[in-house]
């Protein structure tokens, strides 16, 4: 059960905030957001020498905000290690919802909002008490800037339902696997078609993974009289039905995942065979 809990908390999107490799993206993004909020706040509050003040505070504000966001993320991370009575307990259900979809229940929403609130309070305190101190700002303005930073730069990403992201990835993987499987089976079918009677004129065996069907085109693709006559003897004669029936039996015997086979000859006539009808 501990392994399951560890797996559940290792992959939510908010865990990226405390995963070092992602800092290469998170750090510059946070810096840009902090810069926009500070300069916009200074301009709205009509702070004198705003750019000079910005240069004095940006580094401290950036570090303070990043630290506060990590603390909020870590709080959620630690909930996965708290003891619970059983795997089916209310606690277990709520913490799973925190990870995958905070909006699934009131309990999970409150837990995430609590973590965000902790980060917001820390952002405000760090900035008001440390970052905006002794830079020439009035106390009232410093409080407003600190509050603005707390609201805008709080880790709202903690509310993002990780389930949406991973369901999307899972669907994409399934789709890709289906395409790969279908392509590999088409290659296998092509090899088998090359061993059939009249294989010289059997082209383009396509496997439909949805209907478990193989569609085969038969044509001469030649202006040579000998080839055309041979093709007609094989695929445009009274014995064509038996020839294709024997070929279908060979395909069914070698490939278990095909239920239907359709041969289309040059005169647009088709011959269809079903596995169940040939038993």
C-alpha atoms as a PDB file:
ATOM      1  CA  UNK A   1       0.000   0.000   0.000  1.00  0.00           C
ATOM      2  CA  UNK A   2       2.891   2.342   0.653  1.00  0.00           C
ATOM      3  CA  UNK A   3       4.161   1.748  -2.855  1.00  0.00           C
ATOM      4  CA  UNK A   4       0.742   2.629  -4.277  1.00  0.00           C
ATOM      5  CA  UNK A   5       0.629   5.830  -2.234  1.00  0.00           C
ATOM      6  CA  UNK A   6       4.089   6.786  -3.425  1.00  0.00           C
ATOM      7  CA  UNK A   7       3.081   6.152  -7.048  1.00  0.00           C
ATOM      8  CA  UNK A   8      -0.038   8.270  -6.646  1.00  0.00           C
ATOM      9  CA  UNK A   9       1.838  11.300  -5.334  1.00  0.00           C
ATOM     10  CA  UNK A  10       4.803  11.115  -7.673  1.00  0.00           C
ATOM     11  CA  UNK A  11       2.975  12.029 -10.856  1.00  0.00           C
ATOM     12  CA  UNK A  12       0.543  14.931 -10.319  1.00  0.00           C
ATOM     13  CA  UNK A  13       1.287  18.029 -12.370  1.00  0.00           C
ATOM     14  CA  UNK A  14       1.992  20.150  -9.287  1.00  0.00           C
ATOM     15  CA  UNK A  15       4.842  17.839  -8.331  1.00  0.00           C
ATOM     16  CA  UNK A  16       6.781  19.474 -11.159  1.00  0.00           C
ATOM     17  CA  UNK A  17       7.204  22.477  -8.868  1.00  0.00           C
ATOM     18  CA  UNK A  18       9.485  20.462  -6.592  1.00  0.00           C
ATOM     19  CA  UNK A  19      11.161  18.386  -9.299  1.00  0.00           C
ATOM     20  CA  UNK A  20      14.578  19.950 -10.035  1.00  0.00           C
ATOM     21  CA  UNK A  21      14.707  19.238 -13.777  1.00  0.00           C
ATOM     22  CA  UNK A  22      11.622  21.367 -14.423  1.00  0.00           C
ATOM     23  CA  UNK A  23      13.222  24.385 -12.779  1.00  0.00           C
ATOM     24  CA  UNK A  24      14.813  25.196 -16.139  1.00  0.00           C
ATOM     25  CA  UNK A  25      11.321  26.202 -17.275  1.00  0.00           C
ATOM     26  CA  UNK A  26       9.688  27.228 -13.998  1.00  0.00           C
ATOM     27  CA  UNK A  27      12.442  29.642 -12.885  1.00  0.00           C
ATOM     28  CA  UNK A  28      12.423  31.986 -15.913  1.00  0.00           C
ATOM     29  CA  UNK A  29       8.613  31.854 -16.147  1.00  0.00           C
ATOM     30  CA  UNK A  30       8.291  32.890 -12.496  1.00  0.00           C
ATOM     31  CA  UNK A  31      10.798  35.689 -13.056  1.00  0.00           C
ATOM     32  CA  UNK A  32       8.806  37.055 -16.004  1.00  0.00           C
ATOM     33  CA  UNK A  33       5.501  36.888 -14.115  1.00  0.00           C
ATOM     34  CA  UNK A  34       7.009  38.612 -11.065  1.00  0.00           C
ATOM     35  CA  UNK A  35       8.429  41.339 -13.289  1.00  0.00           C
ATOM     36  CA  UNK A  36       5.085  41.999 -14.963  1.00  0.00           C
ATOM     37  CA  UNK A  37       3.217  42.122 -11.652  1.00  0.00           C
ATOM     38  CA  UNK A  38       5.780  44.428  -9.976  1.00  0.00           C
ATOM     39  CA  UNK A  39       6.023  46.917 -12.840  1.00  0.00           C
ATOM     40  CA  UNK A  40       2.255  46.944 -13.377  1.00  0.00           C
ATOM     41  CA  UNK A  41       1.703  47.471  -9.657  1.00  0.00           C
ATOM     42  CA  UNK A  42       4.250  50.275  -9.480  1.00  0.00           C
ATOM     43  CA  UNK A  43       2.692  51.990 -12.464  1.00  0.00           C
ATOM     44  CA  UNK A  44      -0.852  51.715 -11.107  1.00  0.00           C
ATOM     45  CA  UNK A  45       0.218  53.023  -7.691  1.00  0.00           C
ATOM     46  CA  UNK A  46       2.334  55.723  -9.338  1.00  0.00           C
ATOM     47  CA  UNK A  47       5.571  54.782  -7.589  1.00  0.00           C
ATOM     48  CA  UNK A  48       8.420  57.213  -8.210  1.00  0.00           C
ATOM     49  CA  UNK A  49      11.609  55.815  -9.749  1.00  0.00           C
ATOM     50  CA  UNK A  50       9.726  52.581 -10.354  1.00  0.00           C
ATOM     51  CA  UNK A  51      12.384  50.957 -12.533  1.00  0.00           C
ATOM     52  CA  UNK A  52      15.158  51.699 -10.052  1.00  0.00           C
ATOM     53  CA  UNK A  53      13.021  50.267  -7.258  1.00  0.00           C
ATOM     54  CA  UNK A  54      12.215  47.246  -9.404  1.00  0.00           C
ATOM     55  CA  UNK A  55      15.913  46.475  -9.833  1.00  0.00           C
ATOM     56  CA  UNK A  56      16.351  46.579  -6.053  1.00  0.00           C
ATOM     57  CA  UNK A  57      13.498  44.181  -5.247  1.00  0.00           C
ATOM     58  CA  UNK A  58      13.050  41.770  -8.178  1.00  0.00           C
ATOM     59  CA  UNK A  59      15.650  39.230  -7.105  1.00  0.00           C
ATOM     60  CA  UNK A  60      14.362  39.026  -3.538  1.00  0.00           C
ATOM     61  CA  UNK A  61      10.724  38.877  -4.654  1.00  0.00           C
ATOM     62  CA  UNK A  62      11.507  36.200  -7.215  1.00  0.00           C
ATOM     63  CA  UNK A  63      13.324  33.994  -4.696  1.00  0.00           C
ATOM     64  CA  UNK A  64      10.666  34.564  -2.021  1.00  0.00           C
ATOM     65  CA  UNK A  65       7.818  33.650  -4.357  1.00  0.00           C
ATOM     66  CA  UNK A  66       9.571  30.567  -5.627  1.00  0.00           C
ATOM     67  CA  UNK A  67      10.259  29.399  -2.079  1.00  0.00           C
ATOM     68  CA  UNK A  68       6.654  30.015  -0.975  1.00  0.00           C
ATOM     69  CA  UNK A  69       5.269  28.079  -3.954  1.00  0.00           C
ATOM     70  CA  UNK A  70       7.549  25.135  -3.245  1.00  0.00           C
ATOM     71  CA  UNK A  71       6.436  25.069   0.394  1.00  0.00           C
ATOM     72  CA  UNK A  72       2.787  24.895  -0.704  1.00  0.00           C
ATOM     73  CA  UNK A  73       3.573  22.050  -3.117  1.00  0.00           C
ATOM     74  CA  UNK A  74       5.548  20.173  -0.493  1.00  0.00           C
ATOM     75  CA  UNK A  75       2.577  20.331   1.885  1.00  0.00           C
ATOM     76  CA  UNK A  76       0.495  18.429  -0.643  1.00  0.00           C
ATOM     77  CA  UNK A  77       3.360  16.073  -1.343  1.00  0.00           C
ATOM     78  CA  UNK A  78       3.576  15.186   2.360  1.00  0.00           C
ATOM     79  CA  UNK A  79      -0.132  14.322   2.581  1.00  0.00           C
ATOM     80  CA  UNK A  80       0.668  11.156   0.676  1.00  0.00           C
ATOM     81  CA  UNK A  81       2.777   9.883   3.563  1.00  0.00           C
ATOM     82  CA  UNK A  82       0.307  10.502   6.393  1.00  0.00           C
ATOM     83  CA  UNK A  83      -1.004   7.273   7.970  1.00  0.00           C
ATOM     84  CA  UNK A  84      -4.516   6.204   7.054  1.00  0.00           C
ATOM     85  CA  UNK A  85      -6.726   3.517   8.517  1.00  0.00           C
ATOM     86  CA  UNK A  86      -7.169   1.565   5.308  1.00  0.00           C
ATOM     87  CA  UNK A  87      -6.840   1.858   1.575  1.00  0.00           C
ATOM     88  CA  UNK A  88     -10.591   2.330   1.269  1.00  0.00           C
ATOM     89  CA  UNK A  89     -10.809   5.009   3.954  1.00  0.00           C
ATOM     90  CA  UNK A  90     -12.275   8.468   3.456  1.00  0.00           C
ATOM     91  CA  UNK A  91      -8.781   9.880   3.889  1.00  0.00           C
ATOM     92  CA  UNK A  92      -7.424   7.714   1.070  1.00  0.00           C
ATOM     93  CA  UNK A  93     -10.252   8.789  -1.243  1.00  0.00           C
ATOM     94  CA  UNK A  94      -9.722  12.475  -0.512  1.00  0.00           C
ATOM     95  CA  UNK A  95      -5.932  12.390  -0.982  1.00  0.00           C
ATOM     96  CA  UNK A  96      -6.316  10.558  -4.299  1.00  0.00           C
ATOM     97  CA  UNK A  97      -8.692  13.299  -5.415  1.00  0.00           C
ATOM     98  CA  UNK A  98      -6.166  15.933  -4.314  1.00  0.00           C
ATOM     99  CA  UNK A  99      -3.660  14.348  -6.670  1.00  0.00           C
ATOM    100  CA  UNK A 100      -5.822  13.741  -9.714  1.00  0.00           C
ATOM    101  CA  UNK A 101      -8.769  16.134  -9.511  1.00  0.00           C
ATOM    102  CA  UNK A 102      -9.127  18.556  -6.583  1.00  0.00           C
ATOM    103  CA  UNK A 103     -12.646  19.456  -7.741  1.00  0.00           C
ATOM    104  CA  UNK A 104     -13.902  15.901  -7.173  1.00  0.00           C
ATOM    105  CA  UNK A 105     -14.914  16.603  -3.583  1.00  0.00           C
ATOM    106  CA  UNK A 106     -15.184  19.393  -1.038  1.00  0.00           C
ATOM    107  CA  UNK A 107     -12.485  17.767   1.102  1.00  0.00           C
ATOM    108  CA  UNK A 108      -9.892  17.612  -1.667  1.00  0.00           C
ATOM    109  CA  UNK A 109     -10.701  21.168  -2.763  1.00  0.00           C
ATOM    110  CA  UNK A 110     -10.234  22.452   0.786  1.00  0.00           C
ATOM    111  CA  UNK A 111      -6.883  20.693   1.146  1.00  0.00           C
ATOM    112  CA  UNK A 112      -5.539  22.215  -2.058  1.00  0.00           C
ATOM    113  CA  UNK A 113      -6.936  25.655  -1.236  1.00  0.00           C
ATOM    114  CA  UNK A 114      -5.288  25.407   2.185  1.00  0.00           C
ATOM    115  CA  UNK A 115      -1.916  24.739   0.553  1.00  0.00           C
ATOM    116  CA  UNK A 116      -2.429  27.658  -1.839  1.00  0.00           C
ATOM    117  CA  UNK A 117      -3.428  29.888   1.080  1.00  0.00           C
ATOM    118  CA  UNK A 118      -0.257  28.975   2.952  1.00  0.00           C
ATOM    119  CA  UNK A 119       1.790  29.952  -0.107  1.00  0.00           C
ATOM    120  CA  UNK A 120      -0.146  33.211  -0.481  1.00  0.00           C
ATOM    121  CA  UNK A 121       0.442  34.163   3.162  1.00  0.00           C
ATOM    122  CA  UNK A 122       4.145  33.359   2.865  1.00  0.00           C
ATOM    123  CA  UNK A 123       4.457  35.364  -0.364  1.00  0.00           C
ATOM    124  CA  UNK A 124       2.847  38.342   1.331  1.00  0.00           C
ATOM    125  CA  UNK A 125       4.975  38.085   4.479  1.00  0.00           C
ATOM    126  CA  UNK A 126       8.254  37.430   2.669  1.00  0.00           C
ATOM    127  CA  UNK A 127       7.711  40.388   0.367  1.00  0.00           C
ATOM    128  CA  UNK A 128       6.285  42.860   2.884  1.00  0.00           C
ATOM    129  CA  UNK A 129       8.705  41.992   5.676  1.00  0.00           C
ATOM    130  CA  UNK A 130      11.831  41.389   3.601  1.00  0.00           C
ATOM    131  CA  UNK A 131      11.766  42.110  -0.140  1.00  0.00           C
ATOM    132  CA  UNK A 132      10.045  45.523  -0.020  1.00  0.00           C
ATOM    133  CA  UNK A 133      11.780  46.771   3.109  1.00  0.00           C
ATOM    134  CA  UNK A 134      14.181  49.710   2.966  1.00  0.00           C
ATOM    135  CA  UNK A 135      13.680  50.472  -0.729  1.00  0.00           C
ATOM    136  CA  UNK A 136      11.927  53.793  -0.296  1.00  0.00           C
ATOM    137  CA  UNK A 137       8.324  52.570  -0.549  1.00  0.00           C
ATOM    138  CA  UNK A 138       5.550  53.823   1.691  1.00  0.00           C
ATOM    139  CA  UNK A 139       4.173  51.147   4.018  1.00  0.00           C
ATOM    140  CA  UNK A 140       0.715  51.357   2.410  1.00  0.00           C
ATOM    141  CA  UNK A 141       2.162  50.862  -1.081  1.00  0.00           C
ATOM    142  CA  UNK A 142       4.425  48.037   0.083  1.00  0.00           C
ATOM    143  CA  UNK A 143       1.406  46.228   1.550  1.00  0.00           C
ATOM    144  CA  UNK A 144      -0.544  46.604  -1.691  1.00  0.00           C
ATOM    145  CA  UNK A 145       2.335  45.328  -3.823  1.00  0.00           C
ATOM    146  CA  UNK A 146       2.870  42.409  -1.442  1.00  0.00           C
ATOM    147  CA  UNK A 147      -0.848  41.576  -1.545  1.00  0.00           C
ATOM    148  CA  UNK A 148      -0.909  41.828  -5.355  1.00  0.00           C
ATOM    149  CA  UNK A 149       2.051  39.459  -5.639  1.00  0.00           C
ATOM    150  CA  UNK A 150       0.432  37.039  -3.179  1.00  0.00           C
ATOM    151  CA  UNK A 151      -2.786  36.886  -5.197  1.00  0.00           C
ATOM    152  CA  UNK A 152      -1.359  36.782  -8.716  1.00  0.00           C
ATOM    153  CA  UNK A 153       1.727  34.604  -8.178  1.00  0.00           C
ATOM    154  CA  UNK A 154       0.185  32.053  -5.802  1.00  0.00           C
ATOM    155  CA  UNK A 155       0.585  28.438  -7.023  1.00  0.00           C
ATOM    156  CA  UNK A 156      -2.825  28.190  -8.674  1.00  0.00           C
ATOM    157  CA  UNK A 157      -1.436  25.325 -10.733  1.00  0.00           C
ATOM    158  CA  UNK A 158      -2.108  23.125  -7.695  1.00  0.00           C
ATOM    159  CA  UNK A 159      -5.787  23.229  -8.700  1.00  0.00           C
ATOM    160  CA  UNK A 160      -5.044  21.826 -12.145  1.00  0.00           C
ATOM    161  CA  UNK A 161      -6.639  18.353 -12.472  1.00  0.00           C
ATOM    162  CA  UNK A 162      -3.657  16.159 -13.317  1.00  0.00           C
ATOM    163  CA  UNK A 163      -6.106  13.521 -14.501  1.00  0.00           C
ATOM    164  CA  UNK A 164      -6.857  15.600 -17.615  1.00  0.00           C
ATOM    165  CA  UNK A 165      -3.211  15.630 -18.629  1.00  0.00           C
ATOM    166  CA  UNK A 166      -2.547  11.958 -18.020  1.00  0.00           C
ATOM    167  CA  UNK A 167      -5.817  10.812 -19.568  1.00  0.00           C
ATOM    168  CA  UNK A 168      -4.757  12.740 -22.660  1.00  0.00           C
ATOM    169  CA  UNK A 169      -1.320  11.126 -22.657  1.00  0.00           C
ATOM    170  CA  UNK A 170      -2.857   7.688 -22.149  1.00  0.00           C
ATOM    171  CA  UNK A 171      -5.289   8.202 -25.048  1.00  0.00           C
ATOM    172  CA  UNK A 172      -2.426   9.357 -27.267  1.00  0.00           C
ATOM    173  CA  UNK A 173      -0.322   6.311 -26.326  1.00  0.00           C
ATOM    174  CA  UNK A 174      -3.218   3.961 -27.041  1.00  0.00           C
ATOM    175  CA  UNK A 175      -3.800   5.615 -30.412  1.00  0.00           C
ATOM    176  CA  UNK A 176      -0.112   5.385 -31.296  1.00  0.00           C
ATOM    177  CA  UNK A 177       0.056   1.728 -30.227  1.00  0.00           C
ATOM    178  CA  UNK A 178      -2.962   0.937 -32.395  1.00  0.00           C
ATOM    179  CA  UNK A 179      -1.328   2.586 -35.405  1.00  0.00           C
ATOM    180  CA  UNK A 180       1.939   0.721 -34.831  1.00  0.00           C
ATOM    181  CA  UNK A 181       0.101  -2.586 -34.352  1.00  0.00           C
ATOM    182  CA  UNK A 182      -1.990  -2.055 -37.476  1.00  0.00           C
ATOM    183  CA  UNK A 183       1.084  -1.216 -39.540  1.00  0.00           C
ATOM    184  CA  UNK A 184       3.036  -4.244 -38.291  1.00  0.00           C
ATOM    185  CA  UNK A 185       0.111  -6.535 -39.074  1.00  0.00           C
ATOM    186  CA  UNK A 186      -0.175  -5.079 -42.568  1.00  0.00           C
ATOM    187  CA  UNK A 187       3.484  -5.949 -43.113  1.00  0.00           C
ATOM    188  CA  UNK A 188       2.877  -9.492 -41.886  1.00  0.00           C
ATOM    189  CA  UNK A 189      -0.124  -9.850 -44.187  1.00  0.00           C
ATOM    190  CA  UNK A 190       1.895  -8.576 -47.147  1.00  0.00           C
ATOM    191  CA  UNK A 191       4.493 -11.300 -46.558  1.00  0.00           C
ATOM    192  CA  UNK A 192       1.759 -13.935 -46.538  1.00  0.00           C
ATOM    193  CA  UNK A 193       0.195 -12.568 -49.727  1.00  0.00           C
ATOM    194  CA  UNK A 194       3.544 -12.975 -51.467  1.00  0.00           C
ATOM    195  CA  UNK A 195       3.259 -16.736 -50.912  1.00  0.00           C
ATOM    196  CA  UNK A 196      -0.207 -17.143 -52.408  1.00  0.00           C
ATOM    197  CA  UNK A 197      -1.021 -18.561 -55.828  1.00  0.00           C
ATOM    198  CA  UNK A 198      -1.067 -15.704 -58.321  1.00  0.00           C
ATOM    199  CA  UNK A 199       0.912 -13.549 -55.907  1.00  0.00           C
ATOM    200  CA  UNK A 200       2.507 -11.695 -58.830  1.00  0.00           C
ATOM    201  CA  UNK A 201      -0.839  -9.981 -59.378  1.00  0.00           C
ATOM    202  CA  UNK A 202      -1.936  -9.663 -55.737  1.00  0.00           C
ATOM    203  CA  UNK A 203      -1.169  -6.167 -54.505  1.00  0.00           C
ATOM    204  CA  UNK A 204      -1.894  -3.805 -51.652  1.00  0.00           C
ATOM    205  CA  UNK A 205      -3.092  -5.985 -48.808  1.00  0.00           C
ATOM    206  CA  UNK A 206      -4.488  -3.538 -46.245  1.00  0.00           C
ATOM    207  CA  UNK A 207      -5.491  -4.569 -42.726  1.00  0.00           C
ATOM    208  CA  UNK A 208      -8.415  -2.815 -41.036  1.00  0.00           C
ATOM    209  CA  UNK A 209      -7.832  -3.225 -37.289  1.00  0.00           C
ATOM    210  CA  UNK A 210     -11.353  -2.006 -36.466  1.00  0.00           C
ATOM    211  CA  UNK A 211     -13.227  -4.572 -38.571  1.00  0.00           C
ATOM    212  CA  UNK A 212     -10.437  -7.211 -38.547  1.00  0.00           C
ATOM    213  CA  UNK A 213     -10.605  -7.229 -42.314  1.00  0.00           C
ATOM    214  CA  UNK A 214      -8.052  -7.568 -45.097  1.00  0.00           C
ATOM    215  CA  UNK A 215      -8.715  -5.872 -48.430  1.00  0.00           C
ATOM    216  CA  UNK A 216      -6.666  -7.085 -51.397  1.00  0.00           C
ATOM    217  CA  UNK A 217      -6.413  -5.639 -54.900  1.00  0.00           C
ATOM    218  CA  UNK A 218      -5.624  -7.978 -57.782  1.00  0.00           C
ATOM    219  CA  UNK A 219      -4.465  -6.437 -61.056  1.00  0.00           C
ATOM    220  CA  UNK A 220      -2.052  -7.066 -63.904  1.00  0.00           C
ATOM    221  CA  UNK A 221      -0.339  -3.662 -63.981  1.00  0.00           C
ATOM    222  CA  UNK A 222       1.239  -4.602 -67.278  1.00  0.00           C
ATOM    223  CA  UNK A 223       0.737  -4.157 -71.011  1.00  0.00           C
ATOM    224  CA  UNK A 224       2.507  -7.402 -71.778  1.00  0.00           C
ATOM    225  CA  UNK A 225       0.162  -9.797 -73.579  1.00  0.00           C
ATOM    226  CA  UNK A 226       1.551 -12.853 -71.814  1.00  0.00           C
ATOM    227  CA  UNK A 227       1.083 -11.280 -68.378  1.00  0.00           C
ATOM    228  CA  UNK A 228      -2.413 -10.074 -69.246  1.00  0.00           C
ATOM    229  CA  UNK A 229      -3.474 -13.511 -70.465  1.00  0.00           C
ATOM    230  CA  UNK A 230      -2.042 -15.163 -67.365  1.00  0.00           C
ATOM    231  CA  UNK A 231      -3.860 -12.645 -65.174  1.00  0.00           C
ATOM    232  CA  UNK A 232      -7.164 -13.320 -66.972  1.00  0.00           C
ATOM    233  CA  UNK A 233      -6.732 -17.069 -66.590  1.00  0.00           C
ATOM    234  CA  UNK A 234      -6.242 -16.610 -62.862  1.00  0.00           C
ATOM    235  CA  UNK A 235      -8.628 -13.776 -61.929  1.00  0.00           C
ATOM    236  CA  UNK A 236     -11.143 -13.456 -64.751  1.00  0.00           C
ATOM    237  CA  UNK A 237     -12.133 -17.062 -65.350  1.00  0.00           C
ATOM    238  CA  UNK A 238     -14.530 -19.660 -64.008  1.00  0.00           C
ATOM    239  CA  UNK A 239     -11.809 -20.962 -61.676  1.00  0.00           C
ATOM    240  CA  UNK A 240     -11.156 -17.571 -60.058  1.00  0.00           C
ATOM    241  CA  UNK A 241     -13.602 -18.211 -57.212  1.00  0.00           C
ATOM    242  CA  UNK A 242     -11.889 -21.467 -56.235  1.00  0.00           C
ATOM    243  CA  UNK A 243      -8.420 -19.878 -56.509  1.00  0.00           C
ATOM    244  CA  UNK A 244      -9.329 -17.017 -54.206  1.00  0.00           C
ATOM    245  CA  UNK A 245     -11.182 -19.344 -51.847  1.00  0.00           C
ATOM    246  CA  UNK A 246      -8.017 -21.438 -51.469  1.00  0.00           C
ATOM    247  CA  UNK A 247      -5.959 -18.292 -50.935  1.00  0.00           C
ATOM    248  CA  UNK A 248      -8.403 -17.087 -48.271  1.00  0.00           C
ATOM    249  CA  UNK A 249      -8.124 -20.419 -46.462  1.00  0.00           C
ATOM    250  CA  UNK A 250      -4.322 -20.045 -46.443  1.00  0.00           C
ATOM    251  CA  UNK A 251      -4.578 -16.530 -44.991  1.00  0.00           C
ATOM    252  CA  UNK A 252      -7.044 -17.599 -42.291  1.00  0.00           C
ATOM    253  CA  UNK A 253      -4.834 -20.552 -41.342  1.00  0.00           C
ATOM    254  CA  UNK A 254      -1.768 -18.327 -40.877  1.00  0.00           C
ATOM    255  CA  UNK A 255      -3.341 -15.215 -39.345  1.00  0.00           C
ATOM    256  CA  UNK A 256      -5.708 -15.636 -36.416  1.00  0.00           C
ATOM    257  CA  UNK A 257      -6.709 -11.973 -36.069  1.00  0.00           C
ATOM    258  CA  UNK A 258      -8.347 -11.660 -39.510  1.00  0.00           C
ATOM    259  CA  UNK A 259     -12.088 -12.412 -39.744  1.00  0.00           C
ATOM    260  CA  UNK A 260     -12.884 -11.182 -43.250  1.00  0.00           C
ATOM    261  CA  UNK A 261     -11.008 -11.056 -46.555  1.00  0.00           C
ATOM    262  CA  UNK A 262     -12.054  -9.212 -49.702  1.00  0.00           C
ATOM    263  CA  UNK A 263     -10.342  -9.648 -53.065  1.00  0.00           C
ATOM    264  CA  UNK A 264     -11.019  -7.010 -55.704  1.00  0.00           C
ATOM    265  CA  UNK A 265     -10.083  -7.930 -59.273  1.00  0.00           C
ATOM    266  CA  UNK A 266      -9.500  -5.601 -62.220  1.00  0.00           C
ATOM    267  CA  UNK A 267     -13.027  -5.909 -63.606  1.00  0.00           C
ATOM    268  CA  UNK A 268     -14.289  -4.424 -60.317  1.00  0.00           C
ATOM    269  CA  UNK A 269     -15.689  -7.729 -59.219  1.00  0.00           C
ATOM    270  CA  UNK A 270     -15.155  -8.583 -55.545  1.00  0.00           C
ATOM    271  CA  UNK A 271     -14.876 -11.901 -53.721  1.00  0.00           C
ATOM    272  CA  UNK A 272     -15.499 -11.825 -49.982  1.00  0.00           C
ATOM    273  CA  UNK A 273     -14.720 -14.571 -47.479  1.00  0.00           C
ATOM    274  CA  UNK A 274     -15.604 -14.857 -43.801  1.00  0.00           C
ATOM    275  CA  UNK A 275     -13.691 -17.060 -41.390  1.00  0.00           C
ATOM    276  CA  UNK A 276     -16.815 -18.491 -39.717  1.00  0.00           C
ATOM    277  CA  UNK A 277     -18.417 -19.402 -43.031  1.00  0.00           C
ATOM    278  CA  UNK A 278     -15.358 -21.361 -44.107  1.00  0.00           C
ATOM    279  CA  UNK A 279     -15.190 -23.696 -41.110  1.00  0.00           C
END
